Amino acid sequence: HAYYLKYQNKRPDYISAFWNVVNWEEVDKRYHNALK
C-alpha cells in the first residue's frame, strides 16, 4: 500500500525513488540522540 498505485509490482523502482526524499536532517538528529 506504500507504493502500488504508482509502482505496481516494481518495488525496486519505489526503493530507488525513496532516496530522493530522505530527510537526512531528521536522520542526523536521531543518530545524535541515539549516541547519548
Full PDB file with SEQRES, HELIX, SHEET, SSBOND, CRYST1, ORIGX, SCALE, CONECT and MASTER records, all heavy atoms in Angstrom:
SEQRES   1 A   36  HIS ALA TYR TYR LEU LYS TYR GLN ASN LYS ARG PRO ASP          
SEQRES   2 A   36  TYR ILE SER ALA PHE TRP ASN VAL VAL ASN TRP GLU GLU          
SEQRES   3 A   36  VAL ASP LYS ARG TYR HIS ASN ALA LEU LYS                      
HELIX    1 AA1 TYR A    4  TYR A    7  1                                   4    
HELIX    2 AA2 ARG A   11  PHE A   18  1                                   8    
HELIX    3 AA3 TRP A   24  ALA A   34  1                                  11    
CRYST1    1.000    1.000    1.000  90.00  90.00  90.00 P 1           1          
ORIGX1      1.000000  0.000000  0.000000        0.00000                         
ORIGX2      0.000000  1.000000  0.000000        0.00000                         
ORIGX3      0.000000  0.000000  1.000000        0.00000                         
SCALE1      1.000000  0.000000  0.000000        0.00000                         
SCALE2      0.000000  1.000000  0.000000        0.00000                         
SCALE3      0.000000  0.000000  1.000000        0.00000                         
ATOM      1  N   HIS A   1       0.825  -1.219   0.000  1.00  0.00           N  
ATOM      2  CA  HIS A   1       0.000   0.000   0.000  1.00  0.00           C  
ATOM      3  C   HIS A   1       0.857   1.266   0.000  1.00  0.00           C  
ATOM      4  O   HIS A   1       0.346   2.352  -0.250  1.00  0.00           O  
ATOM      5  CB  HIS A   1      -0.991  -0.002   1.181  1.00  0.00           C  
ATOM      6  CG  HIS A   1      -0.376   0.031   2.543  1.00  0.00           C  
ATOM      7  ND1 HIS A   1      -0.599  -0.948   3.486  1.00  0.00           N  
ATOM      8  CD2 HIS A   1       0.434   0.931   3.151  1.00  0.00           C  
ATOM      9  CE1 HIS A   1       0.043  -0.640   4.602  1.00  0.00           C  
ATOM     10  NE2 HIS A   1       0.672   0.485   4.422  1.00  0.00           N  
ATOM     11  N   ALA A   2       2.154   1.139   0.292  1.00  0.00           N  
ATOM     12  CA  ALA A   2       3.042   2.299   0.297  1.00  0.00           C  
ATOM     13  C   ALA A   2       3.464   2.716  -1.108  1.00  0.00           C  
ATOM     14  O   ALA A   2       3.963   3.839  -1.283  1.00  0.00           O  
ATOM     15  CB  ALA A   2       4.281   2.003   1.133  1.00  0.00           C  
ATOM     16  N   TYR A   3       3.279   1.834  -2.102  1.00  0.00           N  
ATOM     17  CA  TYR A   3       3.824   2.152  -3.421  1.00  0.00           C  
ATOM     18  C   TYR A   3       3.021   1.631  -4.610  1.00  0.00           C  
ATOM     19  O   TYR A   3       3.308   1.985  -5.753  1.00  0.00           O  
ATOM     20  CB  TYR A   3       5.256   1.623  -3.531  1.00  0.00           C  
ATOM     21  CG  TYR A   3       5.408   0.116  -3.426  1.00  0.00           C  
ATOM     22  CD1 TYR A   3       5.314  -0.702  -4.547  1.00  0.00           C  
ATOM     23  CD2 TYR A   3       5.680  -0.488  -2.208  1.00  0.00           C  
ATOM     24  CE1 TYR A   3       5.476  -2.079  -4.454  1.00  0.00           C  
ATOM     25  CE2 TYR A   3       5.844  -1.854  -2.095  1.00  0.00           C  
ATOM     26  CZ  TYR A   3       5.743  -2.653  -3.220  1.00  0.00           C  
ATOM     27  OH  TYR A   3       5.900  -4.019  -3.110  1.00  0.00           O  
ATOM     28  N   TYR A   4       1.983   0.819  -4.391  1.00  0.00           N  
ATOM     29  CA  TYR A   4       1.406   0.066  -5.507  1.00  0.00           C  
ATOM     30  C   TYR A   4       0.704   0.942  -6.533  1.00  0.00           C  
ATOM     31  O   TYR A   4       0.706   0.625  -7.730  1.00  0.00           O  
ATOM     32  CB  TYR A   4       0.453  -1.013  -4.994  1.00  0.00           C  
ATOM     33  CG  TYR A   4       0.294  -2.147  -5.974  1.00  0.00           C  
ATOM     34  CD1 TYR A   4       1.179  -3.218  -5.959  1.00  0.00           C  
ATOM     35  CD2 TYR A   4      -0.702  -2.125  -6.938  1.00  0.00           C  
ATOM     36  CE1 TYR A   4       1.066  -4.256  -6.871  1.00  0.00           C  
ATOM     37  CE2 TYR A   4      -0.831  -3.159  -7.862  1.00  0.00           C  
ATOM     38  CZ  TYR A   4       0.058  -4.222  -7.827  1.00  0.00           C  
ATOM     39  OH  TYR A   4      -0.058  -5.236  -8.735  1.00  0.00           O  
ATOM     40  N   LEU A   5       0.077   2.027  -6.118  1.00  0.00           N  
ATOM     41  CA  LEU A   5      -0.634   2.874  -7.082  1.00  0.00           C  
ATOM     42  C   LEU A   5       0.295   3.398  -8.167  1.00  0.00           C  
ATOM     43  O   LEU A   5      -0.074   3.444  -9.335  1.00  0.00           O  
ATOM     44  CB  LEU A   5      -1.284   4.056  -6.364  1.00  0.00           C  
ATOM     45  CG  LEU A   5      -2.665   3.825  -5.753  1.00  0.00           C  
ATOM     46  CD1 LEU A   5      -3.123   5.083  -5.044  1.00  0.00           C  
ATOM     47  CD2 LEU A   5      -3.668   3.410  -6.813  1.00  0.00           C  
ATOM     48  N   LYS A   6       1.493   3.783  -7.779  1.00  0.00           N  
ATOM     49  CA  LYS A   6       2.435   4.366  -8.738  1.00  0.00           C  
ATOM     50  C   LYS A   6       3.359   3.332  -9.355  1.00  0.00           C  
ATOM     51  O   LYS A   6       3.648   3.379 -10.554  1.00  0.00           O  
ATOM     52  CB  LYS A   6       3.261   5.461  -8.062  1.00  0.00           C  
ATOM     53  CG  LYS A   6       4.244   6.163  -8.993  1.00  0.00           C  
ATOM     54  CD  LYS A   6       4.934   7.312  -8.284  1.00  0.00           C  
ATOM     55  CE  LYS A   6       5.930   8.016  -9.208  1.00  0.00           C  
ATOM     56  NZ  LYS A   6       5.266   8.678 -10.354  1.00  0.00           N  
ATOM     57  N   TYR A   7       3.821   2.387  -8.534  1.00  0.00           N  
ATOM     58  CA  TYR A   7       4.876   1.476  -8.987  1.00  0.00           C  
ATOM     59  C   TYR A   7       4.399   0.056  -9.245  1.00  0.00           C  
ATOM     60  O   TYR A   7       5.180  -0.760  -9.740  1.00  0.00           O  
ATOM     61  CB  TYR A   7       6.010   1.456  -7.947  1.00  0.00           C  
ATOM     62  CG  TYR A   7       6.686   2.795  -7.801  1.00  0.00           C  
ATOM     63  CD1 TYR A   7       6.346   3.657  -6.762  1.00  0.00           C  
ATOM     64  CD2 TYR A   7       7.653   3.210  -8.711  1.00  0.00           C  
ATOM     65  CE1 TYR A   7       6.958   4.896  -6.623  1.00  0.00           C  
ATOM     66  CE2 TYR A   7       8.277   4.445  -8.586  1.00  0.00           C  
ATOM     67  CZ  TYR A   7       7.919   5.292  -7.540  1.00  0.00           C  
ATOM     68  OH  TYR A   7       8.527   6.510  -7.416  1.00  0.00           O  
ATOM     69  N   GLN A   8       3.148  -0.256  -8.942  1.00  0.00           N  
ATOM     70  CA  GLN A   8       2.610  -1.609  -9.072  1.00  0.00           C  
ATOM     71  C   GLN A   8       3.542  -2.637  -8.413  1.00  0.00           C  
ATOM     72  O   GLN A   8       3.870  -2.499  -7.265  1.00  0.00           O  
ATOM     73  CB  GLN A   8       2.329  -1.935 -10.551  1.00  0.00           C  
ATOM     74  CG  GLN A   8       1.143  -1.179 -11.122  1.00  0.00           C  
ATOM     75  CD  GLN A   8       1.492   0.231 -11.545  1.00  0.00           C  
ATOM     76  OE1 GLN A   8       2.452   0.456 -12.268  1.00  0.00           O  
ATOM     77  NE2 GLN A   8       0.726   1.201 -11.081  1.00  0.00           N  
ATOM     78  N   ASN A   9       4.008  -3.632  -9.150  1.00  0.00           N  
ATOM     79  CA  ASN A   9       4.855  -4.667  -8.560  1.00  0.00           C  
ATOM     80  C   ASN A   9       6.344  -4.337  -8.621  1.00  0.00           C  
ATOM     81  O   ASN A   9       7.188  -5.168  -8.289  1.00  0.00           O  
ATOM     82  CB  ASN A   9       4.616  -6.004  -9.280  1.00  0.00           C  
ATOM     83  CG  ASN A   9       5.008  -5.935 -10.748  1.00  0.00           C  
ATOM     84  OD1 ASN A   9       4.795  -4.910 -11.399  1.00  0.00           O  
ATOM     85  ND2 ASN A   9       5.551  -7.012 -11.285  1.00  0.00           N  
ATOM     86  N   LYS A  10       6.679  -3.112  -8.982  1.00  0.00           N  
ATOM     87  CA  LYS A  10       8.085  -2.732  -9.177  1.00  0.00           C  
ATOM     88  C   LYS A  10       8.653  -2.130  -7.885  1.00  0.00           C  
ATOM     89  O   LYS A  10       8.981  -0.940  -7.822  1.00  0.00           O  
ATOM     90  CB  LYS A  10       8.213  -1.760 -10.341  1.00  0.00           C  
ATOM     91  CG  LYS A  10       7.699  -2.342 -11.656  1.00  0.00           C  
ATOM     92  CD  LYS A  10       7.666  -1.291 -12.754  1.00  0.00           C  
ATOM     93  CE  LYS A  10       7.048  -1.843 -14.038  1.00  0.00           C  
ATOM     94  NZ  LYS A  10       6.901  -0.795 -15.081  1.00  0.00           N  
ATOM     95  N   ARG A  11       8.760  -2.949  -6.870  1.00  0.00           N  
ATOM     96  CA  ARG A  11       9.288  -2.466  -5.594  1.00  0.00           C  
ATOM     97  C   ARG A  11      10.671  -1.835  -5.737  1.00  0.00           C  
ATOM     98  O   ARG A  11      10.942  -0.803  -5.106  1.00  0.00           O  
ATOM     99  CB  ARG A  11       9.316  -3.590  -4.556  1.00  0.00           C  
ATOM    100  CG  ARG A  11       9.756  -3.116  -3.181  1.00  0.00           C  
ATOM    101  CD  ARG A  11      10.017  -4.251  -2.206  1.00  0.00           C  
ATOM    102  NE  ARG A  11       8.823  -4.914  -1.727  1.00  0.00           N  
ATOM    103  CZ  ARG A  11       8.828  -5.831  -0.762  1.00  0.00           C  
ATOM    104  NH1 ARG A  11       9.969  -6.191  -0.181  1.00  0.00           N  
ATOM    105  NH2 ARG A  11       7.708  -6.414  -0.383  1.00  0.00           N  
ATOM    106  N   PRO A  12      11.587  -2.399  -6.539  1.00  0.00           N  
ATOM    107  CA  PRO A  12      12.912  -1.765  -6.672  1.00  0.00           C  
ATOM    108  C   PRO A  12      12.849  -0.321  -7.163  1.00  0.00           C  
ATOM    109  O   PRO A  12      13.671   0.510  -6.743  1.00  0.00           O  
ATOM    110  CB  PRO A  12      13.632  -2.671  -7.666  1.00  0.00           C  
ATOM    111  CG  PRO A  12      12.990  -4.009  -7.468  1.00  0.00           C  
ATOM    112  CD  PRO A  12      11.545  -3.701  -7.227  1.00  0.00           C  
ATOM    113  N   ASP A  13      11.884  -0.001  -8.031  1.00  0.00           N  
ATOM    114  CA  ASP A  13      11.754   1.377  -8.506  1.00  0.00           C  
ATOM    115  C   ASP A  13      11.330   2.308  -7.379  1.00  0.00           C  
ATOM    116  O   ASP A  13      11.802   3.448  -7.281  1.00  0.00           O  
ATOM    117  CB  ASP A  13      10.736   1.446  -9.650  1.00  0.00           C  
ATOM    118  CG  ASP A  13      11.230   0.785 -10.923  1.00  0.00           C  
ATOM    119  OD1 ASP A  13      12.413   0.378 -10.965  1.00  0.00           O  
ATOM    120  OD2 ASP A  13      10.439   0.666 -11.876  1.00  0.00           O  
ATOM    121  N   TYR A  14      10.423   1.836  -6.551  1.00  0.00           N  
ATOM    122  CA  TYR A  14       9.985   2.610  -5.380  1.00  0.00           C  
ATOM    123  C   TYR A  14      11.155   2.828  -4.417  1.00  0.00           C  
ATOM    124  O   TYR A  14      11.347   3.938  -3.898  1.00  0.00           O  
ATOM    125  CB  TYR A  14       8.849   1.861  -4.699  1.00  0.00           C  
ATOM    126  CG  TYR A  14       8.560   2.240  -3.263  1.00  0.00           C  
ATOM    127  CD1 TYR A  14       8.037   3.483  -2.922  1.00  0.00           C  
ATOM    128  CD2 TYR A  14       8.791   1.321  -2.229  1.00  0.00           C  
ATOM    129  CE1 TYR A  14       7.746   3.806  -1.602  1.00  0.00           C  
ATOM    130  CE2 TYR A  14       8.499   1.629  -0.912  1.00  0.00           C  
ATOM    131  CZ  TYR A  14       7.981   2.885  -0.600  1.00  0.00           C  
ATOM    132  OH  TYR A  14       7.692   3.191   0.700  1.00  0.00           O  
ATOM    133  N   ILE A  15      11.946   1.804  -4.196  1.00  0.00           N  
ATOM    134  CA  ILE A  15      13.089   1.923  -3.293  1.00  0.00           C  
ATOM    135  C   ILE A  15      14.096   2.922  -3.840  1.00  0.00           C  
ATOM    136  O   ILE A  15      14.648   3.755  -3.104  1.00  0.00           O  
ATOM    137  CB  ILE A  15      13.741   0.541  -3.087  1.00  0.00           C  
ATOM    138  CG1 ILE A  15      12.750  -0.389  -2.365  1.00  0.00           C  
ATOM    139  CG2 ILE A  15      15.046   0.656  -2.307  1.00  0.00           C  
ATOM    140  CD1 ILE A  15      13.163  -1.847  -2.376  1.00  0.00           C  
ATOM    141  N   SER A  16      14.341   2.876  -5.132  1.00  0.00           N  
ATOM    142  CA  SER A  16      15.261   3.821  -5.757  1.00  0.00           C  
ATOM    143  C   SER A  16      14.750   5.253  -5.614  1.00  0.00           C  
ATOM    144  O   SER A  16      15.519   6.179  -5.313  1.00  0.00           O  
ATOM    145  CB  SER A  16      15.440   3.463  -7.234  1.00  0.00           C  
ATOM    146  OG  SER A  16      16.297   4.380  -7.881  1.00  0.00           O  
ATOM    147  N   ALA A  17      13.438   5.445  -5.799  1.00  0.00           N  
ATOM    148  CA  ALA A  17      12.839   6.780  -5.685  1.00  0.00           C  
ATOM    149  C   ALA A  17      12.938   7.319  -4.258  1.00  0.00           C  
ATOM    150  O   ALA A  17      13.077   8.530  -4.049  1.00  0.00           O  
ATOM    151  CB  ALA A  17      11.382   6.735  -6.134  1.00  0.00           C  
ATOM    152  N   PHE A  18      12.870   6.428  -3.286  1.00  0.00           N  
ATOM    153  CA  PHE A  18      12.909   6.821  -1.876  1.00  0.00           C  
ATOM    154  C   PHE A  18      14.125   7.673  -1.545  1.00  0.00           C  
ATOM    155  O   PHE A  18      14.036   8.627  -0.751  1.00  0.00           O  
ATOM    156  CB  PHE A  18      12.895   5.548  -1.018  1.00  0.00           C  
ATOM    157  CG  PHE A  18      13.264   5.737   0.422  1.00  0.00           C  
ATOM    158  CD1 PHE A  18      12.414   6.389   1.305  1.00  0.00           C  
ATOM    159  CD2 PHE A  18      14.471   5.238   0.922  1.00  0.00           C  
ATOM    160  CE1 PHE A  18      12.760   6.540   2.650  1.00  0.00           C  
ATOM    161  CE2 PHE A  18      14.815   5.382   2.257  1.00  0.00           C  
ATOM    162  CZ  PHE A  18      13.955   6.039   3.118  1.00  0.00           C  
ATOM    163  N   TRP A  19      15.259   7.375  -2.148  1.00  0.00           N  
ATOM    164  CA  TRP A  19      16.491   8.106  -1.816  1.00  0.00           C  
ATOM    165  C   TRP A  19      16.405   9.574  -2.190  1.00  0.00           C  
ATOM    166  O   TRP A  19      17.189  10.392  -1.679  1.00  0.00           O  
ATOM    167  CB  TRP A  19      17.689   7.447  -2.493  1.00  0.00           C  
ATOM    168  CG  TRP A  19      17.955   6.067  -1.969  1.00  0.00           C  
ATOM    169  CD1 TRP A  19      17.783   4.880  -2.623  1.00  0.00           C  
ATOM    170  CD2 TRP A  19      18.431   5.725  -0.655  1.00  0.00           C  
ATOM    171  NE1 TRP A  19      18.111   3.825  -1.808  1.00  0.00           N  
ATOM    172  CE2 TRP A  19      18.512   4.310  -0.589  1.00  0.00           C  
ATOM    173  CE3 TRP A  19      18.779   6.468   0.469  1.00  0.00           C  
ATOM    174  CZ2 TRP A  19      18.938   3.635   0.547  1.00  0.00           C  
ATOM    175  CZ3 TRP A  19      19.204   5.802   1.609  1.00  0.00           C  
ATOM    176  CH2 TRP A  19      19.277   4.403   1.637  1.00  0.00           C  
ATOM    177  N   ASN A  20      15.464   9.948  -3.039  1.00  0.00           N  
ATOM    178  CA  ASN A  20      15.297  11.344  -3.428  1.00  0.00           C  
ATOM    179  C   ASN A  20      14.522  12.163  -2.407  1.00  0.00           C  
ATOM    180  O   ASN A  20      14.501  13.397  -2.493  1.00  0.00           O  
ATOM    181  CB  ASN A  20      14.579  11.435  -4.778  1.00  0.00           C  
ATOM    182  CG  ASN A  20      15.402  10.884  -5.911  1.00  0.00           C  
ATOM    183  OD1 ASN A  20      16.323  11.541  -6.396  1.00  0.00           O  
ATOM    184  ND2 ASN A  20      15.082   9.676  -6.350  1.00  0.00           N  
ATOM    185  N   VAL A  21      13.877  11.505  -1.452  1.00  0.00           N  
ATOM    186  CA  VAL A  21      13.036  12.235  -0.494  1.00  0.00           C  
ATOM    187  C   VAL A  21      13.408  11.937   0.959  1.00  0.00           C  
ATOM    188  O   VAL A  21      12.644  12.224   1.873  1.00  0.00           O  
ATOM    189  CB  VAL A  21      11.534  11.941  -0.736  1.00  0.00           C  
ATOM    190  CG1 VAL A  21      11.083  12.541  -2.062  1.00  0.00           C  
ATOM    191  CG2 VAL A  21      11.234  10.443  -0.685  1.00  0.00           C  
ATOM    192  N   VAL A  22      14.571  11.351   1.189  1.00  0.00           N  
ATOM    193  CA  VAL A  22      15.000  11.087   2.569  1.00  0.00           C  
ATOM    194  C   VAL A  22      15.293  12.405   3.278  1.00  0.00           C  
ATOM    195  O   VAL A  22      15.992  13.274   2.738  1.00  0.00           O  
ATOM    196  CB  VAL A  22      16.253  10.192   2.599  1.00  0.00           C  
ATOM    197  CG1 VAL A  22      16.799  10.085   4.023  1.00  0.00           C  
ATOM    198  CG2 VAL A  22      15.927   8.803   2.059  1.00  0.00           C  
ATOM    199  N   ASN A  23      14.777  12.539   4.471  1.00  0.00           N  
ATOM    200  CA  ASN A  23      15.028  13.721   5.306  1.00  0.00           C  
ATOM    201  C   ASN A  23      16.268  13.455   6.161  1.00  0.00           C  
ATOM    202  O   ASN A  23      16.179  13.033   7.310  1.00  0.00           O  
ATOM    203  CB  ASN A  23      13.811  14.009   6.188  1.00  0.00           C  
ATOM    204  CG  ASN A  23      13.976  15.262   7.021  1.00  0.00           C  
ATOM    205  OD1 ASN A  23      15.024  15.902   7.013  1.00  0.00           O  
ATOM    206  ND2 ASN A  23      12.930  15.628   7.750  1.00  0.00           N  
ATOM    207  N   TRP A  24      17.435  13.739   5.583  1.00  0.00           N  
ATOM    208  CA  TRP A  24      18.678  13.440   6.277  1.00  0.00           C  
ATOM    209  C   TRP A  24      18.870  14.304   7.517  1.00  0.00           C  
ATOM    210  O   TRP A  24      19.596  13.922   8.442  1.00  0.00           O  
ATOM    211  CB  TRP A  24      19.862  13.584   5.320  1.00  0.00           C  
ATOM    212  CG  TRP A  24      19.935  12.473   4.330  1.00  0.00           C  
ATOM    213  CD1 TRP A  24      19.662  12.524   3.001  1.00  0.00           C  
ATOM    214  CD2 TRP A  24      20.275  11.111   4.612  1.00  0.00           C  
ATOM    215  NE1 TRP A  24      19.807  11.291   2.432  1.00  0.00           N  
ATOM    216  CE2 TRP A  24      20.188  10.400   3.394  1.00  0.00           C  
ATOM    217  CE3 TRP A  24      20.636  10.425   5.770  1.00  0.00           C  
ATOM    218  CZ2 TRP A  24      20.455   9.041   3.304  1.00  0.00           C  
ATOM    219  CZ3 TRP A  24      20.906   9.064   5.682  1.00  0.00           C  
ATOM    220  CH2 TRP A  24      20.823   8.390   4.462  1.00  0.00           C  
ATOM    221  N   GLU A  25      18.236  15.457   7.570  1.00  0.00           N  
ATOM    222  CA  GLU A  25      18.316  16.274   8.778  1.00  0.00           C  
ATOM    223  C   GLU A  25      17.681  15.542   9.964  1.00  0.00           C  
ATOM    224  O   GLU A  25      18.199  15.577  11.080  1.00  0.00           O  
ATOM    225  CB  GLU A  25      17.631  17.617   8.547  1.00  0.00           C  
ATOM    226  CG  GLU A  25      18.363  18.501   7.537  1.00  0.00           C  
ATOM    227  CD  GLU A  25      17.620  19.783   7.246  1.00  0.00           C  
ATOM    228  OE1 GLU A  25      16.504  19.976   7.780  1.00  0.00           O  
ATOM    229  OE2 GLU A  25      18.154  20.616   6.479  1.00  0.00           O  
ATOM    230  N   GLU A  26      16.569  14.865   9.710  1.00  0.00           N  
ATOM    231  CA  GLU A  26      15.909  14.087  10.760  1.00  0.00           C  
ATOM    232  C   GLU A  26      16.730  12.852  11.120  1.00  0.00           C  
ATOM    233  O   GLU A  26      16.840  12.493  12.301  1.00  0.00           O  
ATOM    234  CB  GLU A  26      14.509  13.677  10.313  1.00  0.00           C  
ATOM    235  CG  GLU A  26      13.709  12.899  11.334  1.00  0.00           C  
ATOM    236  CD  GLU A  26      13.308  13.720  12.554  1.00  0.00           C  
ATOM    237  OE1 GLU A  26      13.328  14.969  12.472  1.00  0.00           O  
ATOM    238  OE2 GLU A  26      12.977  13.105  13.596  1.00  0.00           O  
ATOM    239  N   VAL A  27      17.302  12.203  10.111  1.00  0.00           N  
ATOM    240  CA  VAL A  27      18.154  11.041  10.384  1.00  0.00           C  
ATOM    241  C   VAL A  27      19.340  11.449  11.253  1.00  0.00           C  
ATOM    242  O   VAL A  27      19.688  10.773  12.224  1.00  0.00           O  
ATOM    243  CB  VAL A  27      18.650  10.396   9.074  1.00  0.00           C  
ATOM    244  CG1 VAL A  27      19.535   9.184   9.364  1.00  0.00           C  
ATOM    245  CG2 VAL A  27      17.475   9.980   8.193  1.00  0.00           C  
ATOM    246  N   ASP A  28      19.958  12.577  10.912  1.00  0.00           N  
ATOM    247  CA  ASP A  28      21.085  13.098  11.708  1.00  0.00           C  
ATOM    248  C   ASP A  28      20.672  13.340  13.155  1.00  0.00           C  
ATOM    249  O   ASP A  28      21.410  12.994  14.087  1.00  0.00           O  
ATOM    250  CB  ASP A  28      21.592  14.408  11.108  1.00  0.00           C  
ATOM    251  CG  ASP A  28      22.527  14.193   9.930  1.00  0.00           C  
ATOM    252  OD1 ASP A  28      23.260  13.194   9.943  1.00  0.00           O  
ATOM    253  OD2 ASP A  28      22.514  15.013   9.010  1.00  0.00           O  
ATOM    254  N   LYS A  29      19.524  13.952  13.340  1.00  0.00           N  
ATOM    255  CA  LYS A  29      19.042  14.253  14.692  1.00  0.00           C  
ATOM    256  C   LYS A  29      18.838  12.977  15.474  1.00  0.00           C  
ATOM    257  O   LYS A  29      19.242  12.872  16.655  1.00  0.00           O  
ATOM    258  CB  LYS A  29      17.738  15.041  14.623  1.00  0.00           C  
ATOM    259  CG  LYS A  29      17.176  15.437  15.983  1.00  0.00           C  
ATOM    260  CD  LYS A  29      15.925  16.299  15.847  1.00  0.00           C  
ATOM    261  CE  LYS A  29      14.738  15.462  15.424  1.00  0.00           C  
ATOM    262  NZ  LYS A  29      13.491  16.263  15.413  1.00  0.00           N  
ATOM    263  N   ARG A  30      18.248  11.981  14.854  1.00  0.00           N  
ATOM    264  CA  ARG A  30      18.005  10.719  15.540  1.00  0.00           C  
ATOM    265  C   ARG A  30      19.305   9.976  15.815  1.00  0.00           C  
ATOM    266  O   ARG A  30      19.439   9.297  16.855  1.00  0.00           O  
ATOM    267  CB  ARG A  30      17.022   9.860  14.722  1.00  0.00           C  
ATOM    268  CG  ARG A  30      15.630  10.466  14.697  1.00  0.00           C  
ATOM    269  CD  ARG A  30      14.616   9.624  13.927  1.00  0.00           C  
ATOM    270  NE  ARG A  30      13.309  10.264  13.972  1.00  0.00           N  
ATOM    271  CZ  ARG A  30      12.442  10.133  14.961  1.00  0.00           C  
ATOM    272  NH1 ARG A  30      12.739   9.353  15.995  1.00  0.00           N  
ATOM    273  NH2 ARG A  30      11.285  10.760  14.943  1.00  0.00           N  
ATOM    274  N   TYR A  31      20.254  10.078  14.918  1.00  0.00           N  
ATOM    275  CA  TYR A  31      21.562   9.464  15.146  1.00  0.00           C  
ATOM    276  C   TYR A  31      22.249  10.109  16.343  1.00  0.00           C  
ATOM    277  O   TYR A  31      22.779   9.418  17.233  1.00  0.00           O  
ATOM    278  CB  TYR A  31      22.429   9.603  13.896  1.00  0.00           C  
ATOM    279  CG  TYR A  31      23.835   9.056  14.058  1.00  0.00           C  
ATOM    280  CD1 TYR A  31      24.040   7.711  14.337  1.00  0.00           C  
ATOM    281  CD2 TYR A  31      24.931   9.889  13.947  1.00  0.00           C  
ATOM    282  CE1 TYR A  31      25.327   7.203  14.486  1.00  0.00           C  
ATOM    283  CE2 TYR A  31      26.217   9.388  14.094  1.00  0.00           C  
ATOM    284  CZ  TYR A  31      26.409   8.050  14.362  1.00  0.00           C  
ATOM    285  OH  TYR A  31      27.675   7.560  14.533  1.00  0.00           O  
ATOM    286  N   HIS A  32      22.227  11.416  16.397  1.00  0.00           N  
ATOM    287  CA  HIS A  32      22.841  12.137  17.512  1.00  0.00           C  
ATOM    288  C   HIS A  32      22.209  11.748  18.834  1.00  0.00           C  
ATOM    289  O   HIS A  32      22.914  11.471  19.817  1.00  0.00           O  
ATOM    290  CB  HIS A  32      22.694  13.657  17.287  1.00  0.00           C  
ATOM    291  CG  HIS A  32      23.167  14.489  18.435  1.00  0.00           C  
ATOM    292  ND1 HIS A  32      24.510  14.731  18.691  1.00  0.00           N  
ATOM    293  CD2 HIS A  32      22.472  15.139  19.416  1.00  0.00           C  
ATOM    294  CE1 HIS A  32      24.619  15.477  19.753  1.00  0.00           C  
ATOM    295  NE2 HIS A  32      23.419  15.746  20.230  1.00  0.00           N  
ATOM    296  N   ASN A  33      20.888  11.665  18.870  1.00  0.00           N  
ATOM    297  CA  ASN A  33      20.187  11.305  20.114  1.00  0.00           C  
ATOM    298  C   ASN A  33      20.473   9.862  20.519  1.00  0.00           C  
ATOM    299  O   ASN A  33      20.546   9.556  21.712  1.00  0.00           O  
ATOM    300  CB  ASN A  33      18.695  11.515  19.939  1.00  0.00           C  
ATOM    301  CG  ASN A  33      18.310  12.989  19.870  1.00  0.00           C  
ATOM    302  OD1 ASN A  33      19.044  13.854  20.339  1.00  0.00           O  
ATOM    303  ND2 ASN A  33      17.166  13.270  19.276  1.00  0.00           N  
ATOM    304  N   ALA A  34      20.641   8.981  19.525  1.00  0.00           N  
ATOM    305  CA  ALA A  34      20.885   7.574  19.817  1.00  0.00           C  
ATOM    306  C   ALA A  34      22.267   7.340  20.428  1.00  0.00           C  
ATOM    307  O   ALA A  34      22.490   6.339  21.093  1.00  0.00           O  
ATOM    308  CB  ALA A  34      20.728   6.733  18.555  1.00  0.00           C  
ATOM    309  N   LEU A  35      23.181   8.264  20.193  1.00  0.00           N  
ATOM    310  CA  LEU A  35      24.538   8.119  20.725  1.00  0.00           C  
ATOM    311  C   LEU A  35      24.668   8.590  22.164  1.00  0.00           C  
ATOM    312  O   LEU A  35      25.687   8.350  22.803  1.00  0.00           O  
ATOM    313  CB  LEU A  35      25.525   8.907  19.858  1.00  0.00           C  
ATOM    314  CG  LEU A  35      25.723   8.406  18.426  1.00  0.00           C  
ATOM    315  CD1 LEU A  35      26.736   9.286  17.707  1.00  0.00           C  
ATOM    316  CD2 LEU A  35      26.136   6.946  18.381  1.00  0.00           C  
ATOM    317  N   LYS A  36      23.658   9.247  22.684  1.00  0.00           N  
ATOM    318  CA  LYS A  36      23.732   9.792  24.047  1.00  0.00           C  
ATOM    319  C   LYS A  36      23.757   8.675  25.076  1.00  0.00           C  
ATOM    320  O   LYS A  36      23.134   7.628  24.881  1.00  0.00           O  
ATOM    321  CB  LYS A  36      22.544  10.725  24.301  1.00  0.00           C  
ATOM    322  CG  LYS A  36      22.588  12.003  23.456  1.00  0.00           C  
ATOM    323  CD  LYS A  36      21.384  12.876  23.762  1.00  0.00           C  
ATOM    324  CE  LYS A  36      21.422  14.149  22.937  1.00  0.00           C  
ATOM    325  NZ  LYS A  36      20.223  15.005  23.191  1.00  0.00           N  
TER     326      LYS A  36                                                      
MASTER        0    0    0    3    0    0    0    6  325    1    0    3          
END                                                                             
